[in-house]
Each structure stands twice: as C-alpha cells, then as structure tokens.
Amino acid sequence: MAISQQELKHILMLSKLSAKPEELAQFEYDLNNIFNLFDNLKLVDTHDIKPMISPLLSHYPAREDAPQMQNHTADFERIAPEFTNQHFIVPKVIE
C-alpha cells in the first residue's frame, strides 16, 4: 500500500493541518516506509502461533524487589552542566 501526495494533502485538509512542500514529500516518504513495514509483517507466517490475550499473563522471572542504597551524586555531578550542593542549576526560563 502506498499513499500519494494528493491523498496526503486530503488527509491534512481533513485534519485541518498544513505542510510545506518539502515537509509533504518527507511525510509521504515516511508514511510509505511505515506502510511497507506493515506489508512485510503480513508476509510472516503466524499460522501456528496462538493468540496472546495479554503479555501480562505470562510468567516472567523477576528479581526480588529489595531496597538498595544507591548514591549516584558523583555520576550526575560529572555530566551536569552546572551542579551545586547536590542540586542541578538550570537557566531561568520564566520571568
């Protein structure tokens, strides 16, 4: 399945959105890639695979939920642009 620019323009009009011509070309390219992925998924043989009601019903081994004392302050301080007294210093954005 592929989408044409005319169909894409119609969808944009129905959704009351607009796009520049270069954006329209990129949207068309991206959507057609997504549709191609779905077409590839349709080719996968799922005949012998049982439907899954919910992934949460499956049993997954999990580690014990035990509290741990972790102090990552030094790691955060190393990567932060500005860090003082265990606080991140951020630029003022509201005046």
C-alpha atoms as a PDB file:
ATOM      1  CA  MET A   1       0.000   0.000   0.000  1.00  0.00           C
ATOM      2  CA  ALA A   2       1.316   3.428  -0.848  1.00  0.00           C
ATOM      3  CA  ILE A   3      -0.003   6.900  -0.234  1.00  0.00           C
ATOM      4  CA  SER A   4       0.109   9.625  -2.861  1.00  0.00           C
ATOM      5  CA  GLN A   5       0.755  13.300  -2.245  1.00  0.00           C
ATOM      6  CA  GLN A   6      -2.830  14.032  -3.273  1.00  0.00           C
ATOM      7  CA  GLU A   7      -4.158  11.611  -0.619  1.00  0.00           C
ATOM      8  CA  LEU A   8      -1.792  13.103   1.928  1.00  0.00           C
ATOM      9  CA  LYS A   9      -2.987  16.626   1.119  1.00  0.00           C
ATOM     10  CA  HIS A  10      -6.571  15.433   1.521  1.00  0.00           C
ATOM     11  CA  ILE A  11      -5.788  13.911   4.931  1.00  0.00           C
ATOM     12  CA  LEU A  12      -4.047  17.118   6.008  1.00  0.00           C
ATOM     13  CA  MET A  13      -7.054  19.169   4.869  1.00  0.00           C
ATOM     14  CA  LEU A  14      -9.493  16.900   6.749  1.00  0.00           C
ATOM     15  CA  SER A  15      -7.396  17.171   9.906  1.00  0.00           C
ATOM     16  CA  LYS A  16      -7.063  20.948   9.438  1.00  0.00           C
ATOM     17  CA  LEU A  17      -3.274  20.721   9.242  1.00  0.00           C
ATOM     18  CA  SER A  18      -0.895  22.194   6.716  1.00  0.00           C
ATOM     19  CA  ALA A  19       2.567  21.278   5.482  1.00  0.00           C
ATOM     20  CA  LYS A  20       5.217  22.884   3.347  1.00  0.00           C
ATOM     21  CA  PRO A  21       6.016  21.112   0.039  1.00  0.00           C
ATOM     22  CA  GLU A  22       9.326  19.755   1.370  1.00  0.00           C
ATOM     23  CA  GLU A  23       7.555  18.503   4.519  1.00  0.00           C
ATOM     24  CA  LEU A  24       4.867  16.904   2.378  1.00  0.00           C
ATOM     25  CA  ALA A  25       7.483  14.968   0.433  1.00  0.00           C
ATOM     26  CA  GLN A  26       9.112  13.799   3.691  1.00  0.00           C
ATOM     27  CA  PHE A  27       5.722  12.783   5.159  1.00  0.00           C
ATOM     28  CA  GLU A  28       4.936  10.820   2.011  1.00  0.00           C
ATOM     29  CA  TYR A  29       8.317   9.067   2.169  1.00  0.00           C
ATOM     30  CA  ASP A  30       7.976   8.261   5.899  1.00  0.00           C
ATOM     31  CA  LEU A  31       4.384   7.016   5.626  1.00  0.00           C
ATOM     32  CA  ASN A  32       5.213   4.828   2.652  1.00  0.00           C
ATOM     33  CA  ASN A  33       8.110   3.314   4.639  1.00  0.00           C
ATOM     34  CA  ILE A  34       5.707   2.573   7.515  1.00  0.00           C
ATOM     35  CA  PHE A  35       3.203   1.002   5.115  1.00  0.00           C
ATOM     36  CA  ASN A  36       5.996  -1.120   3.638  1.00  0.00           C
ATOM     37  CA  LEU A  37       6.844  -2.381   7.137  1.00  0.00           C
ATOM     38  CA  PHE A  38       3.220  -3.428   7.617  1.00  0.00           C
ATOM     39  CA  ASP A  39       3.241  -5.160   4.227  1.00  0.00           C
ATOM     40  CA  ASN A  40       6.354  -7.079   5.329  1.00  0.00           C
ATOM     41  CA  LEU A  41       4.632  -8.077   8.577  1.00  0.00           C
ATOM     42  CA  LYS A  42       1.735  -9.506   6.568  1.00  0.00           C
ATOM     43  CA  LEU A  43       4.199 -11.917   4.928  1.00  0.00           C
ATOM     44  CA  VAL A  44       5.166 -13.526   8.246  1.00  0.00           C
ATOM     45  CA  ASP A  45       3.614 -16.974   8.719  1.00  0.00           C
ATOM     46  CA  THR A  46       1.682 -16.851  12.007  1.00  0.00           C
ATOM     47  CA  HIS A  47      -0.427 -19.942  11.378  1.00  0.00           C
ATOM     48  CA  ASP A  48       0.966 -21.977  14.313  1.00  0.00           C
ATOM     49  CA  ILE A  49       1.180 -19.086  16.775  1.00  0.00           C
ATOM     50  CA  LYS A  50      -1.500 -18.944  19.442  1.00  0.00           C
ATOM     51  CA  PRO A  51      -3.070 -15.524  20.110  1.00  0.00           C
ATOM     52  CA  MET A  52      -1.940 -13.780  23.267  1.00  0.00           C
ATOM     53  CA  ILE A  53      -4.648 -12.271  25.437  1.00  0.00           C
ATOM     54  CA  SER A  54      -2.222 -10.147  27.405  1.00  0.00           C
ATOM     55  CA  PRO A  55       1.557 -10.119  27.788  1.00  0.00           C
ATOM     56  CA  LEU A  56       0.994  -9.538  31.499  1.00  0.00           C
ATOM     57  CA  LEU A  57      -0.468 -13.006  31.929  1.00  0.00           C
ATOM     58  CA  SER A  58       2.841 -14.635  31.054  1.00  0.00           C
ATOM     59  CA  HIS A  59       5.201 -15.507  33.875  1.00  0.00           C
ATOM     60  CA  TYR A  60       8.477 -13.654  33.739  1.00  0.00           C
ATOM     61  CA  PRO A  61      11.262 -14.254  36.236  1.00  0.00           C
ATOM     62  CA  ALA A  62      11.810 -11.115  38.242  1.00  0.00           C
ATOM     63  CA  ARG A  63      14.419 -10.120  40.749  1.00  0.00           C
ATOM     64  CA  GLU A  64      13.447  -9.652  44.346  1.00  0.00           C
ATOM     65  CA  ASP A  65      12.198  -6.151  44.976  1.00  0.00           C
ATOM     66  CA  ALA A  66      14.550  -5.157  47.767  1.00  0.00           C
ATOM     67  CA  PRO A  67      15.503  -1.607  48.731  1.00  0.00           C
ATOM     68  CA  GLN A  68      19.052  -0.620  47.891  1.00  0.00           C
ATOM     69  CA  MET A  69      21.032   2.385  48.970  1.00  0.00           C
ATOM     70  CA  GLN A  70      22.475   3.981  45.860  1.00  0.00           C
ATOM     71  CA  ASN A  71      24.214   7.302  45.648  1.00  0.00           C
ATOM     72  CA  HIS A  72      24.758   8.483  42.077  1.00  0.00           C
ATOM     73  CA  THR A  73      25.514  12.079  43.002  1.00  0.00           C
ATOM     74  CA  ALA A  74      29.081  11.918  41.698  1.00  0.00           C
ATOM     75  CA  ASP A  75      27.878  10.491  38.360  1.00  0.00           C
ATOM     76  CA  PHE A  76      25.222  13.203  37.985  1.00  0.00           C
ATOM     77  CA  GLU A  77      27.635  15.927  39.019  1.00  0.00           C
ATOM     78  CA  ARG A  78      30.097  14.792  36.367  1.00  0.00           C
ATOM     79  CA  ILE A  79      27.583  15.030  33.483  1.00  0.00           C
ATOM     80  CA  ALA A  80      25.574  18.055  34.639  1.00  0.00           C
ATOM     81  CA  PRO A  81      26.281  21.437  33.039  1.00  0.00           C
ATOM     82  CA  GLU A  82      26.083  23.060  36.476  1.00  0.00           C
ATOM     83  CA  PHE A  83      25.683  21.281  39.811  1.00  0.00           C
ATOM     84  CA  THR A  84      25.950  22.861  43.288  1.00  0.00           C
ATOM     85  CA  ASN A  85      25.201  21.373  46.727  1.00  0.00           C
ATOM     86  CA  GLN A  86      23.551  18.286  45.208  1.00  0.00           C
ATOM     87  CA  HIS A  87      21.250  20.473  43.052  1.00  0.00           C
ATOM     88  CA  PHE A  88      21.118  20.952  39.317  1.00  0.00           C
ATOM     89  CA  ILE A  89      21.418  24.599  38.340  1.00  0.00           C
ATOM     90  CA  VAL A  90      19.217  25.357  35.341  1.00  0.00           C
ATOM     91  CA  PRO A  91      18.803  28.582  33.389  1.00  0.00           C
ATOM     92  CA  LYS A  92      15.847  30.770  34.284  1.00  0.00           C
ATOM     93  CA  VAL A  93      13.083  30.261  31.719  1.00  0.00           C
ATOM     94  CA  ILE A  94      10.169  32.171  33.278  1.00  0.00           C
ATOM     95  CA  GLU A  95      10.477  35.854  34.006  1.00  0.00           C
END
